[in-house]
């Protein structure tokens, strides 16, 4: 059987906030260049703006959940975790989408559970949803929430692969998730942060 197309999930709220922030930062950068008394002053002002833009990318735009036939990839804050299906033993949503393996739990900042003012919409039930204390489905599992939508995507693919007998059994302890740091982004943040101090003092 051919591999299915990977599904990418991002928080709609975080995506919208990121775009708005970048528009504001771009407008601020243009205004700074237009109104600066000299080119050096404009460059100084652009350094902290570049730092903020990069942080917006890493904190709001970068986090995502990628689901394919090989496993679940959690692009998160300054690191990416690749979790093979063979090591997945549960999918939880109490605080955020959480992939449980024999050794540890991996929580995704791209799919946080809703707050008390969240109003998830009704639609379909998640596959094997978590049950709350009252016996009902947790609000964090409901569709229309970041955690619920992401959990549905993960559980559906997981169930399809299990039913198709495409996940080898007995490898949960040996097939471990891999973690990759976003080294280039981390270095860029450190350099821009260091450069922002003298840049702000020079304004």
Protein backbone atom coordinates (compact mmCIF):
# COMPACT_ATOMS: atom_id res chain seq x y z
CA UNK A 1 0.00 0.00 0.00
CA UNK A 2 1.32 3.45 -0.90
CA UNK A 3 2.01 5.97 1.81
CA UNK A 4 -0.71 8.48 2.50
CA UNK A 5 -0.12 12.19 2.18
CA UNK A 6 1.33 13.78 5.33
CA UNK A 7 -1.07 16.01 7.25
CA UNK A 8 0.26 19.22 8.80
CA UNK A 9 -1.58 20.86 11.69
CA UNK A 10 -0.93 24.37 12.97
CA UNK A 11 -2.91 26.38 15.51
CA UNK A 12 -5.13 28.80 13.60
CA UNK A 13 -4.94 31.31 16.45
CA UNK A 14 -1.15 31.26 16.60
CA UNK A 15 -0.90 31.55 12.82
CA UNK A 16 -3.16 34.61 12.72
CA UNK A 17 -1.29 36.27 15.58
CA UNK A 18 2.04 35.59 13.85
CA UNK A 19 0.88 37.19 10.59
CA UNK A 20 -0.50 40.23 12.42
CA UNK A 21 2.74 40.59 14.38
CA UNK A 22 4.83 40.42 11.20
CA UNK A 23 2.66 43.04 9.50
CA UNK A 24 3.10 45.38 12.49
CA UNK A 25 6.86 44.72 12.58
CA UNK A 26 7.16 45.35 8.84
CA UNK A 27 5.25 48.61 9.17
CA UNK A 28 7.46 49.61 12.10
CA UNK A 29 10.58 48.80 10.09
CA UNK A 30 9.43 50.87 7.12
CA UNK A 31 8.49 53.77 9.37
CA UNK A 32 11.87 53.57 11.08
CA UNK A 33 13.75 53.70 7.79
CA UNK A 34 11.65 56.63 6.53
CA UNK A 35 11.89 58.71 9.71
CA UNK A 36 15.45 57.86 10.81
CA UNK A 37 17.87 60.75 10.79
CA UNK A 38 20.64 58.65 9.25
CA UNK A 39 21.16 55.13 7.89
CA UNK A 40 23.10 53.97 10.97
CA UNK A 41 20.19 54.88 13.24
CA UNK A 42 17.82 52.92 11.00
CA UNK A 43 20.04 49.84 11.13
CA UNK A 44 20.22 50.04 14.93
CA UNK A 45 16.43 50.17 15.15
CA UNK A 46 15.97 47.24 12.78
CA UNK A 47 18.07 44.84 14.87
CA UNK A 48 15.57 44.41 17.76
CA UNK A 49 12.73 44.27 15.23
CA UNK A 50 14.50 41.40 13.49
CA UNK A 51 14.88 39.64 16.84
CA UNK A 52 11.17 39.96 17.58
CA UNK A 53 10.27 38.75 14.08
CA UNK A 54 12.44 35.66 14.52
CA UNK A 55 10.93 34.93 17.94
CA UNK A 56 7.43 35.27 16.48
CA UNK A 57 8.40 32.68 13.86
CA UNK A 58 9.80 30.23 16.40
CA UNK A 59 7.14 30.68 19.06
CA UNK A 60 4.00 31.06 16.94
CA UNK A 61 4.56 29.96 13.34
CA UNK A 62 7.09 27.13 13.66
CA UNK A 63 5.15 24.87 16.10
CA UNK A 64 3.20 22.27 14.14
CA UNK A 65 2.23 18.62 14.12
CA UNK A 66 3.05 16.52 11.07
CA UNK A 67 1.39 13.10 10.76
CA UNK A 68 2.34 10.53 8.12
CA UNK A 69 2.70 6.77 7.79
CA UNK A 70 6.09 6.79 9.52
CA UNK A 71 4.98 8.53 12.70
CA UNK A 72 4.30 11.89 14.31
CA UNK A 73 6.64 14.86 14.06
CA UNK A 74 6.30 17.63 16.63
CA UNK A 75 7.96 20.84 15.46
CA UNK A 76 8.17 22.73 18.72
CA UNK A 77 10.03 25.53 20.45
CA UNK A 78 13.66 25.32 19.33
CA UNK A 79 13.47 21.56 18.71
CA UNK A 80 11.77 18.90 16.59
CA UNK A 81 10.76 15.47 17.87
CA UNK A 82 10.18 12.60 15.43
CA UNK A 83 8.15 9.80 17.01
CA UNK A 84 7.75 6.50 15.12
CA UNK A 85 4.38 4.78 15.36
CA UNK A 86 6.06 1.73 16.86
CA UNK A 87 6.87 3.71 20.02
CA UNK A 88 3.45 5.38 20.46
CA UNK A 89 1.37 3.86 23.27
CA UNK A 90 -1.21 6.62 23.86
CA UNK A 91 -2.41 10.04 22.69
CA UNK A 92 -3.56 12.47 25.39
CA UNK A 93 -4.93 16.01 25.41
CA UNK A 94 -5.30 17.07 29.05
CA UNK A 95 -2.90 20.03 28.83
CA UNK A 96 -2.02 19.83 25.14
CA UNK A 97 -1.66 17.20 22.46
CA UNK A 98 0.68 14.71 24.14
CA UNK A 99 2.23 11.65 22.50
CA UNK A 100 2.99 9.02 25.13
CA UNK A 101 5.89 6.58 24.65
CA UNK A 102 7.31 3.98 27.08
CA UNK A 103 10.07 6.35 28.22
CA UNK A 104 8.43 9.78 28.28
CA UNK A 105 5.63 12.07 27.10
CA UNK A 106 6.08 14.58 24.29
CA UNK A 107 3.80 17.61 24.49
CA UNK A 108 3.12 19.88 21.51
CA UNK A 109 2.89 23.64 21.93
CA UNK A 110 1.14 23.73 18.53
CA UNK A 111 -1.96 22.10 20.02
CA UNK A 112 -2.68 23.39 23.54
CA UNK A 113 -5.83 22.39 25.38
CA UNK A 114 -8.58 25.04 25.51
CA UNK A 115 -8.99 27.43 28.41
CA UNK A 116 -12.17 27.75 30.41
CA UNK A 117 -13.60 30.30 27.98
CA UNK A 118 -13.09 28.09 24.90
CA UNK A 119 -16.20 27.10 22.97
CA UNK A 120 -15.43 24.02 20.83
CA UNK A 121 -17.88 23.37 18.03
CA UNK A 122 -19.70 20.07 17.66
CA UNK A 123 -18.95 17.75 14.77
CA UNK A 124 -17.47 14.28 14.89
CA UNK A 125 -16.03 12.41 17.86
CA UNK A 126 -12.31 11.81 18.16
CA UNK A 127 -11.08 8.25 17.88
CA UNK A 128 -10.69 6.86 21.39
CA UNK A 129 -11.24 10.24 23.10
CA UNK A 130 -10.17 10.85 26.66
CA UNK A 131 -12.89 10.56 29.26
CA UNK A 132 -13.39 13.23 31.90
CA UNK A 133 -14.29 12.72 35.54
CA UNK A 134 -18.00 12.94 34.78
CA UNK A 135 -17.75 10.15 32.21
CA UNK A 136 -18.02 12.49 29.23
CA UNK A 137 -15.46 13.41 26.61
CA UNK A 138 -12.86 15.91 27.79
CA UNK A 139 -13.24 19.43 26.43
CA UNK A 140 -9.60 19.17 25.33
CA UNK A 141 -10.63 16.29 23.04
CA UNK A 142 -13.48 18.18 21.38
CA UNK A 143 -13.14 19.20 17.76
CA UNK A 144 -12.83 22.92 17.27
CA UNK A 145 -10.01 23.07 19.82
CA UNK A 146 -6.32 22.89 18.95
CA UNK A 147 -5.70 19.82 21.12
CA UNK A 148 -8.87 18.07 19.94
CA UNK A 149 -8.30 18.69 16.23
CA UNK A 150 -4.66 17.59 16.39
CA UNK A 151 -5.52 14.51 18.47
CA UNK A 152 -8.20 13.50 15.96
CA UNK A 153 -5.70 13.66 13.10
CA UNK A 154 -3.10 11.62 15.01
CA UNK A 155 -5.58 9.02 16.25
CA UNK A 156 -7.23 8.56 12.86
CA UNK A 157 -3.92 7.83 11.12
CA UNK A 158 -2.81 5.61 14.02
CA UNK A 159 -6.07 3.62 13.86
CA UNK A 160 -5.88 3.26 10.07
CA UNK A 161 -2.34 1.89 10.29
CA UNK A 162 -3.22 -0.48 13.14
CA UNK A 163 -6.25 -1.81 11.28
CA UNK A 164 -4.11 -2.27 8.18
CA UNK A 165 -1.52 -4.16 10.28
CA UNK A 166 1.15 -1.73 9.14
CA UNK A 167 2.71 -1.03 12.55
CA UNK A 168 5.16 -3.73 13.74
CA UNK A 169 4.40 -5.00 17.25
CA UNK A 170 6.90 -5.27 20.10
CA UNK A 171 9.26 -2.45 19.13
CA UNK A 172 8.03 0.27 21.50
CA UNK A 173 11.10 -0.02 23.72
CA UNK A 174 13.64 -0.17 20.90
CA UNK A 175 12.35 2.34 18.33
CA UNK A 176 12.92 5.56 20.22
CA UNK A 177 11.94 9.11 19.18
CA UNK A 178 14.69 11.37 17.85
CA UNK A 179 15.16 14.99 18.88
CA UNK A 180 16.75 17.64 16.67
CA UNK A 181 17.60 21.08 18.01
CA UNK A 182 16.97 24.15 15.85
CA UNK A 183 20.61 25.12 16.20
CA UNK A 184 20.68 27.78 13.47
CA UNK A 185 17.64 29.54 14.92
CA UNK A 186 19.05 29.38 18.44
CA UNK A 187 22.35 30.89 17.31
CA UNK A 188 20.53 33.62 15.37
CA UNK A 189 18.42 34.49 18.42
CA UNK A 190 21.51 34.74 20.64
CA UNK A 191 23.37 36.91 18.13
CA UNK A 192 20.40 39.22 17.53
CA UNK A 193 19.74 39.49 21.26
CA UNK A 194 23.36 40.40 21.89
CA UNK A 195 23.30 42.94 19.06
CA UNK A 196 20.02 44.44 20.25
CA UNK A 197 21.54 45.77 23.48
CA UNK A 198 24.06 48.14 21.86
CA UNK A 199 21.54 48.89 19.11
CA UNK A 200 18.95 50.08 21.64
CA UNK A 201 21.56 52.09 23.54
CA UNK A 202 22.59 53.81 20.31
CA UNK A 203 19.05 55.02 19.55
